[in-house]
Amino acid sequence: MPHGCKHWLIALYLAAMLASGWSVPASAEGTLIWLLRDLPPLTIFEGPGKGQGALDQLLPILIGHLPEYRHQVMHVNRARGMQMLREPTLTCDPSLLWTAERARYIVFSRQAFVVASNGITIRRSQQGALAAFIVDGQFDLQAFFDAHEARVGAIAERSYGAVIDERLKQADTHKLALHYGNDALGSLLQMQRLGRLEAVLGYWPEIRYHAMQQGIAADDLSFYPIKGTAPYQRTHIGCSDTPEGREAMERINQVLLSLPLEHVQQSYAAWLDPAMREHYLRDNPSFFQDSPAP
């Protein structure tokens, strides 16, 4: 049987087990809890793409290479996920951005995946009113916070990357609407549609998917990268920084070196809009060059 076929048979087998609520057998090392957020197109909980995200495909393969653990998958929101990673349990999240603050209690893997960076979306009808903050196709978030009495929607305890995170830390709290619950992005987009927010942060394919779920036409929204940010962000697997978590991370790093990522990258790219997809696939070979550990 071809090597790639074996991987996908493993993936299908494990995906079926996880979907039915079973745990993956064998456990000399104990139970490893995987925390998944609703983060299209990486992980998709609801809608026509349910279970078809890029990490929805990658995680069963990763689990198949770690037979020494019993694996449990939990769906959580961002705030609950970060709380669990602070607890002394063997808990891992497969889609984290590295930050210095998180590194105090999370051990991070080598680079696991590369995604198009977070940005900001506004209502197309508001483009004229916000034109002063859009320069060369980028949105000046700092100028927006400094000069505009408006509110920006964001998901609580989520990292959007170093530049955006710093802007959010410096912003007046009354200019931010932080959502802690489930379906956070969908709720923020509804608030934007009702005029309670002028802008919402997130990944563009994530925003488009949740907008569709909320009955909001993607053509009614405009997305802009944030001034000062890189076009891509490197994501990592993160585990609770305990002896068990560090031991698991050693194995995870070994597995990441051998995983077949090409199909998963193509799956992610398929969710991007045509222009973003072209750039992502063109730049793909450079993602794995000069990528030091966090």
Protein backbone atom coordinates (compact mmCIF):
# COMPACT_ATOMS: atom_id res chain seq x y z
CA MET A 1 0.00 0.00 0.00
CA PRO A 2 1.44 3.45 -0.83
CA HIS A 3 2.79 5.35 2.18
CA GLY A 4 0.33 8.25 1.75
CA CYS A 5 -2.64 5.88 1.64
CA LYS A 6 -1.60 4.36 4.96
CA HIS A 7 -1.61 7.81 6.55
CA TRP A 8 -5.08 8.59 5.28
CA LEU A 9 -6.47 5.23 6.38
CA ILE A 10 -5.12 5.97 9.85
CA ALA A 11 -6.67 9.44 9.67
CA LEU A 12 -10.06 8.12 8.64
CA TYR A 13 -10.02 5.44 11.34
CA LEU A 14 -9.09 7.87 14.08
CA ALA A 15 -11.45 10.57 12.86
CA ALA A 16 -14.33 8.10 13.01
CA MET A 17 -13.39 7.08 16.55
CA LEU A 18 -13.09 10.68 17.73
CA ALA A 19 -16.33 11.73 16.06
CA SER A 20 -18.17 8.93 17.83
CA GLY A 21 -16.82 10.02 21.21
CA TRP A 22 -14.41 7.12 21.69
CA SER A 23 -10.93 7.60 23.07
CA VAL A 24 -7.95 6.27 21.18
CA PRO A 25 -6.64 3.12 22.91
CA ALA A 26 -3.41 2.32 24.72
CA SER A 27 -1.99 4.44 27.42
CA ALA A 28 1.30 3.67 29.05
CA GLU A 29 1.89 7.42 29.42
CA GLY A 30 -1.61 8.49 30.45
CA THR A 31 -4.28 10.63 28.80
CA LEU A 32 -3.36 13.52 26.53
CA ILE A 33 -6.17 16.08 26.22
CA TRP A 34 -6.33 17.98 22.92
CA LEU A 35 -8.07 21.36 23.04
CA LEU A 36 -9.81 22.41 19.85
CA ARG A 37 -11.38 25.80 19.17
CA ASP A 38 -13.84 26.62 16.43
CA LEU A 39 -11.28 28.25 14.14
CA PRO A 40 -12.18 27.85 10.45
CA PRO A 41 -10.52 26.84 8.23
CA LEU A 42 -8.21 25.04 10.69
CA THR A 43 -10.89 23.45 12.86
CA ILE A 44 -14.57 23.63 11.94
CA PHE A 45 -17.28 22.72 14.45
CA GLU A 46 -20.45 23.62 12.54
CA GLY A 47 -21.79 24.19 9.05
CA PRO A 48 -21.13 22.57 5.67
CA GLY A 49 -17.39 22.30 6.32
CA LYS A 50 -17.77 20.61 9.72
CA GLY A 51 -14.76 18.42 10.45
CA GLN A 52 -13.04 19.32 7.17
CA GLY A 53 -10.58 21.92 8.45
CA ALA A 54 -6.84 21.62 7.87
CA LEU A 55 -6.14 20.69 11.50
CA ASP A 56 -9.20 18.44 11.55
CA GLN A 57 -7.23 16.41 9.00
CA LEU A 58 -3.81 16.77 10.62
CA LEU A 59 -4.70 15.93 14.23
CA PRO A 60 -5.79 12.30 13.61
CA ILE A 61 -2.50 11.68 11.80
CA LEU A 62 -0.55 13.21 14.68
CA ILE A 63 -2.52 11.10 17.17
CA GLY A 64 -1.77 7.98 15.13
CA HIS A 65 1.94 8.63 15.64
CA LEU A 66 1.56 8.87 19.44
CA PRO A 67 0.16 5.43 20.37
CA GLU A 68 1.71 5.55 23.83
CA TYR A 69 -1.01 8.00 24.94
CA ARG A 70 -4.75 7.73 25.33
CA HIS A 71 -6.12 10.75 23.45
CA GLN A 72 -9.15 12.82 24.37
CA VAL A 73 -10.42 15.70 22.21
CA MET A 74 -12.29 18.57 23.86
CA HIS A 75 -14.05 21.51 22.18
CA VAL A 76 -13.41 24.72 24.14
CA ASN A 77 -13.51 28.47 23.68
CA ARG A 78 -10.27 30.44 23.81
CA ALA A 79 -10.59 31.59 27.42
CA ARG A 80 -11.38 28.09 28.72
CA GLY A 81 -8.56 26.61 26.67
CA MET A 82 -5.99 28.98 28.14
CA GLN A 83 -7.29 28.24 31.63
CA MET A 84 -6.83 24.50 31.09
CA LEU A 85 -3.29 24.98 29.77
CA ARG A 86 -2.42 26.64 33.08
CA GLU A 87 -3.62 23.60 35.03
CA PRO A 88 -1.28 20.69 36.00
CA THR A 89 -2.79 18.27 33.48
CA LEU A 90 -1.42 16.81 30.26
CA THR A 91 -3.19 19.23 27.93
CA CYS A 92 -2.19 20.40 24.44
CA ASP A 93 -3.53 22.87 21.87
CA PRO A 94 -2.56 22.22 18.22
CA SER A 95 -2.97 25.82 16.99
CA LEU A 96 -1.23 28.40 19.16
CA LEU A 97 0.75 31.53 18.39
CA TRP A 98 3.86 31.90 20.54
CA THR A 99 3.94 34.82 22.97
CA ALA A 100 6.36 35.55 25.79
CA GLU A 101 3.49 35.61 28.28
CA ARG A 102 2.22 32.19 27.20
CA ALA A 103 5.74 30.74 27.31
CA ARG A 104 5.67 31.16 31.09
CA TYR A 105 3.23 28.27 31.42
CA ILE A 106 3.16 26.56 27.99
CA VAL A 107 5.88 24.56 26.27
CA PHE A 108 5.80 25.13 22.51
CA SER A 109 6.64 22.84 19.61
CA ARG A 110 8.70 23.66 16.60
CA GLN A 111 6.69 25.28 13.80
CA ALA A 112 3.59 23.21 13.07
CA PHE A 113 1.75 25.26 10.46
CA VAL A 114 1.74 28.62 8.70
CA VAL A 115 -1.39 30.72 8.22
CA ALA A 116 -2.21 34.03 6.59
CA SER A 117 -2.07 36.65 9.33
CA ASN A 118 -4.90 38.09 11.36
CA GLY A 119 -6.35 41.37 10.18
CA ILE A 120 -9.43 43.53 10.53
CA THR A 121 -12.79 43.52 8.82
CA ILE A 122 -15.13 46.47 8.40
CA ARG A 123 -18.53 46.83 6.79
CA ARG A 124 -18.12 47.75 3.13
CA SER A 125 -20.61 50.56 3.70
CA GLN A 126 -18.15 52.08 6.22
CA GLN A 127 -15.14 52.20 3.89
CA GLY A 128 -15.63 55.86 3.10
CA ALA A 129 -15.90 56.86 6.75
CA LEU A 130 -12.77 54.87 7.64
CA ALA A 131 -10.71 55.71 4.54
CA ALA A 132 -8.28 57.85 6.54
CA PHE A 133 -7.06 54.73 8.36
CA ILE A 134 -6.51 52.65 5.20
CA VAL A 135 -3.12 53.32 3.59
CA ASP A 136 -1.65 51.22 0.78
CA GLY A 137 -4.21 48.51 1.44
CA GLN A 138 -3.37 48.24 5.14
CA PHE A 139 -5.34 49.36 8.18
CA ASP A 140 -3.59 51.63 10.70
CA LEU A 141 -5.00 50.19 13.92
CA GLN A 142 -2.96 52.49 16.16
CA ALA A 143 -4.20 55.62 14.39
CA PHE A 144 -7.73 54.26 14.55
CA PHE A 145 -7.53 53.82 18.32
CA ASP A 146 -5.86 57.21 18.78
CA ALA A 147 -8.27 59.27 16.69
CA HIS A 148 -11.55 57.47 16.53
CA GLU A 149 -14.28 56.97 19.10
CA ALA A 150 -15.21 53.49 17.97
CA ARG A 151 -15.18 49.94 19.26
CA VAL A 152 -13.24 46.98 17.91
CA GLY A 153 -14.38 43.41 18.54
CA ALA A 154 -11.87 40.77 19.62
CA ILE A 155 -11.89 37.34 21.27
CA ALA A 156 -10.74 37.37 24.90
CA GLU A 157 -7.35 35.78 25.68
CA ARG A 158 -6.61 35.20 22.01
CA SER A 159 -3.29 36.29 20.52
CA TYR A 160 -3.55 38.02 17.16
CA GLY A 161 0.22 38.36 16.75
CA ALA A 162 2.75 40.63 18.45
CA VAL A 163 1.86 43.88 16.65
CA ILE A 164 -1.91 43.59 17.10
CA ASP A 165 -1.59 42.32 20.68
CA GLU A 166 0.47 45.40 21.59
CA ARG A 167 -2.09 47.73 20.02
CA LEU A 168 -4.85 46.05 22.02
CA LYS A 169 -2.90 46.34 25.28
CA GLN A 170 -2.42 50.07 24.73
CA ALA A 171 -6.02 50.78 23.68
CA ASP A 172 -8.58 52.29 26.01
CA THR A 173 -10.74 49.49 27.35
CA HIS A 174 -13.96 51.23 26.32
CA LYS A 175 -12.81 50.97 22.69
CA LEU A 176 -12.61 47.17 22.89
CA ALA A 177 -15.38 44.60 22.98
CA LEU A 178 -13.83 41.36 24.26
CA HIS A 179 -15.97 38.24 23.89
CA TYR A 180 -15.32 35.33 26.27
CA GLY A 181 -18.01 32.86 25.24
CA ASN A 182 -18.68 30.24 22.61
CA ASP A 183 -19.31 31.36 19.03
CA ALA A 184 -17.41 34.52 19.93
CA LEU A 185 -16.61 35.63 16.40
CA GLY A 186 -20.14 35.01 15.15
CA SER A 187 -21.50 37.13 18.00
CA LEU A 188 -19.02 39.93 17.27
CA LEU A 189 -19.99 39.95 13.60
CA GLN A 190 -23.64 40.26 14.59
CA MET A 191 -22.75 43.19 16.84
CA GLN A 192 -20.94 44.77 13.90
CA ARG A 193 -23.94 44.26 11.63
CA LEU A 194 -26.15 46.00 14.22
CA GLY A 195 -23.78 48.98 14.35
CA ARG A 196 -22.43 48.29 17.84
CA LEU A 197 -18.90 47.66 16.52
CA GLU A 198 -17.08 49.29 13.63
CA ALA A 199 -14.44 46.61 13.17
CA VAL A 200 -13.72 42.99 14.11
CA LEU A 201 -10.34 41.24 14.31
CA GLY A 202 -9.63 37.76 12.98
CA TYR A 203 -8.38 35.67 10.08
CA TRP A 204 -10.11 36.49 6.80
CA PRO A 205 -11.20 32.90 5.95
CA GLU A 206 -12.37 32.50 9.56
CA ILE A 207 -14.42 35.71 9.32
CA ARG A 208 -15.92 34.71 5.98
CA TYR A 209 -16.98 31.30 7.30
CA HIS A 210 -18.58 32.68 10.45
CA ALA A 211 -20.24 35.46 8.46
CA MET A 212 -21.82 32.80 6.24
CA GLN A 213 -23.05 30.97 9.35
CA GLN A 214 -24.61 34.22 10.59
CA GLY A 215 -26.29 35.02 7.27
CA ILE A 216 -23.91 37.89 6.53
CA ALA A 217 -22.75 38.14 2.93
CA ALA A 218 -18.95 38.18 2.57
CA ASP A 219 -19.38 40.87 -0.10
CA ASP A 220 -20.74 43.16 2.63
CA LEU A 221 -17.38 42.99 4.43
CA SER A 222 -13.92 44.31 3.59
CA PHE A 223 -10.77 42.81 5.11
CA TYR A 224 -7.43 44.56 5.60
CA PRO A 225 -4.08 43.44 6.98
CA ILE A 226 -2.88 45.51 9.93
CA LYS A 227 -0.09 48.00 9.32
CA GLY A 228 3.22 46.65 10.62
CA THR A 229 2.29 42.96 10.57
CA ALA A 230 3.91 40.20 8.51
CA PRO A 231 1.76 38.48 5.86
CA TYR A 232 1.98 35.09 7.61
CA GLN A 233 2.01 33.74 11.15
CA ARG A 234 3.69 30.56 12.34
CA THR A 235 1.55 28.40 14.60
CA HIS A 236 2.74 25.85 17.12
CA ILE A 237 1.44 23.02 19.22
CA GLY A 238 1.47 24.06 22.86
CA CYS A 239 1.27 21.81 25.93
CA SER A 240 0.99 22.59 29.63
CA ASP A 241 4.50 23.21 30.97
CA THR A 242 4.65 20.24 33.33
CA PRO A 243 7.06 17.28 33.34
CA GLU A 244 4.43 15.27 31.45
CA GLY A 245 3.83 18.12 29.02
CA ARG A 246 7.53 18.54 28.28
CA GLU A 247 7.91 14.80 27.73
CA ALA A 248 4.95 14.79 25.34
CA MET A 249 6.40 17.77 23.48
CA GLU A 250 9.64 15.89 22.83
CA ARG A 251 7.61 13.20 21.08
CA ILE A 252 5.43 15.73 19.26
CA ASN A 253 8.50 17.51 17.88
CA GLN A 254 9.85 14.19 16.60
CA VAL A 255 6.54 13.43 14.88
CA LEU A 256 6.27 16.88 13.28
CA LEU A 257 9.50 16.23 11.41
CA SER A 258 7.96 13.25 9.62
CA LEU A 259 4.34 14.28 9.05
CA PRO A 260 3.14 14.70 5.43
CA LEU A 261 1.97 18.33 5.47
CA GLU A 262 1.59 19.01 1.74
CA HIS A 263 -2.01 17.80 1.54
CA VAL A 264 -2.95 19.70 4.69
CA GLN A 265 -1.42 22.91 3.32
CA GLN A 266 -3.37 22.48 0.10
CA SER A 267 -6.53 21.94 2.14
CA TYR A 268 -5.94 25.19 4.03
CA ALA A 269 -5.15 27.09 0.83
CA ALA A 270 -8.45 25.98 -0.71
CA TRP A 271 -10.29 28.12 1.89
CA LEU A 272 -8.42 31.31 0.98
CA ASP A 273 -9.74 33.82 -1.52
CA PRO A 274 -8.08 33.54 -4.96
CA ALA A 275 -5.50 36.31 -4.49
CA MET A 276 -4.53 35.19 -0.98
CA ARG A 277 -4.37 31.55 -2.14
CA GLU A 278 -2.01 32.41 -5.00
CA HIS A 279 0.35 34.22 -2.65
CA TYR A 280 0.19 31.49 0.00
CA LEU A 281 1.03 28.68 -2.42
CA ARG A 282 3.75 30.77 -4.05
CA ASP A 283 5.37 31.54 -0.71
CA ASN A 284 4.87 28.02 0.69
CA PRO A 285 8.47 26.75 0.17
CA SER A 286 9.86 29.62 2.26
CA PHE A 287 7.70 28.75 5.27
CA PHE A 288 10.06 26.00 6.37
CA GLN A 289 13.29 27.90 5.83
CA ASP A 290 14.90 29.76 8.71
CA SER A 291 12.10 28.86 11.11
CA PRO A 292 13.76 28.62 14.54
CA ALA A 293 12.03 27.12 17.51
CA PRO A 294 10.07 29.69 19.54
